[in-house]
Amino acid sequence: MTRSIFRIAVITAAFLMVPAVAMLFTNEVNWGPGDFLTMGALLFGSGLAYVLITRNIVGRAARIAVGAGLAIVVLTVWAELAVGIF
């Protein structure tokens, strides 16, 4: 379990490096500390939820369905936070 948590943390940090590096090269990306914390919590939380939900699921199709469902939720929350769709 701790190996999974470490992997989730590393992947979350890798995703957060994209806007951090983009901020060095352009003024189009303007994230503050709160933005990084919010997105980090969203990514880490969804990764942890996936691991916890699928740890007892054997079938590959069910794992893919859980992953797709979580991805839809993450993208919806991200879009809402970014531009306020709803």
Protein backbone atom coordinates (compact mmCIF):
# COMPACT_ATOMS: atom_id res chain seq x y z
CA MET A 1 0.00 0.00 0.00
CA THR A 2 2.79 2.46 0.80
CA ARG A 3 4.38 1.74 -2.59
CA SER A 4 1.09 2.69 -4.26
CA ILE A 5 0.86 5.90 -2.25
CA PHE A 6 4.43 6.77 -3.24
CA ARG A 7 3.64 6.14 -6.91
CA ILE A 8 0.53 8.33 -6.70
CA ALA A 9 2.56 11.13 -5.07
CA VAL A 10 5.26 10.93 -7.77
CA ILE A 11 2.71 10.96 -10.60
CA THR A 12 0.89 13.89 -8.97
CA ALA A 13 4.16 15.82 -8.69
CA ALA A 14 4.95 15.04 -12.34
CA PHE A 15 1.58 16.40 -13.46
CA LEU A 16 2.06 19.51 -11.36
CA MET A 17 5.44 20.13 -12.95
CA VAL A 18 3.74 20.87 -16.28
CA PRO A 19 2.16 24.19 -15.19
CA ALA A 20 5.19 24.99 -13.00
CA VAL A 21 7.53 24.73 -15.98
CA ALA A 22 5.04 26.50 -18.26
CA MET A 23 5.00 29.45 -15.85
CA LEU A 24 8.73 29.88 -16.48
CA PHE A 25 8.28 30.32 -20.23
CA THR A 26 4.96 32.13 -20.66
CA ASN A 27 2.67 34.56 -18.92
CA GLU A 28 -0.38 32.62 -20.13
CA VAL A 29 -0.11 30.23 -17.18
CA ASN A 30 -0.51 32.03 -13.88
CA TRP A 31 -1.00 29.59 -11.01
CA GLY A 32 -0.70 30.55 -7.37
CA PRO A 33 0.09 28.33 -4.40
CA GLY A 34 -3.61 27.69 -3.82
CA ASP A 35 -4.00 26.45 -7.38
CA PHE A 36 -1.16 23.96 -6.95
CA LEU A 37 -2.54 22.76 -3.61
CA THR A 38 -6.05 22.35 -5.00
CA MET A 39 -4.95 20.49 -8.10
CA GLY A 40 -2.50 18.38 -6.09
CA ALA A 41 -5.26 17.39 -3.68
CA LEU A 42 -7.59 16.61 -6.57
CA LEU A 43 -5.05 14.45 -8.39
CA PHE A 44 -3.68 12.72 -5.30
CA GLY A 45 -7.16 12.12 -3.89
CA SER A 46 -8.46 10.63 -7.11
CA GLY A 47 -5.40 8.39 -7.43
CA LEU A 48 -5.79 7.23 -3.86
CA ALA A 49 -9.51 6.63 -4.41
CA TYR A 50 -8.71 4.50 -7.46
CA VAL A 51 -6.23 2.38 -5.51
CA LEU A 52 -8.60 1.92 -2.57
CA ILE A 53 -11.62 1.11 -4.74
CA THR A 54 -9.85 -1.31 -7.07
CA ARG A 55 -7.73 -3.14 -4.55
CA ASN A 56 -10.34 -5.90 -4.22
CA ILE A 57 -11.60 -5.84 -7.82
CA VAL A 58 -10.27 -8.68 -9.94
CA GLY A 59 -11.70 -7.96 -13.39
CA ARG A 60 -9.86 -5.69 -15.79
CA ALA A 61 -13.09 -4.26 -17.24
CA ALA A 62 -14.28 -3.22 -13.79
CA ARG A 63 -10.97 -1.50 -13.06
CA ILE A 64 -11.18 0.38 -16.35
CA ALA A 65 -14.75 1.41 -15.55
CA VAL A 66 -13.71 2.73 -12.13
CA GLY A 67 -10.80 4.60 -13.70
CA ALA A 68 -13.03 6.12 -16.38
CA GLY A 69 -15.59 7.17 -13.78
CA LEU A 70 -12.96 8.82 -11.63
CA ALA A 71 -11.45 10.53 -14.69
CA ILE A 72 -14.85 11.99 -15.58
CA VAL A 73 -15.28 13.28 -12.05
CA VAL A 74 -11.78 14.81 -11.98
CA LEU A 75 -12.23 16.49 -15.37
CA THR A 76 -15.63 17.85 -14.37
CA VAL A 77 -14.32 19.29 -11.10
CA TRP A 78 -11.27 20.70 -12.90
CA ALA A 79 -13.44 22.40 -15.53
CA GLU A 80 -15.69 23.82 -12.83
CA LEU A 81 -12.76 25.21 -10.89
CA ALA A 82 -11.09 26.59 -14.01
CA VAL A 83 -13.97 28.37 -15.72
CA GLY A 84 -17.12 27.77 -13.69
CA ILE A 85 -19.20 25.75 -16.15
CA PHE A 86 -22.05 25.00 -13.76
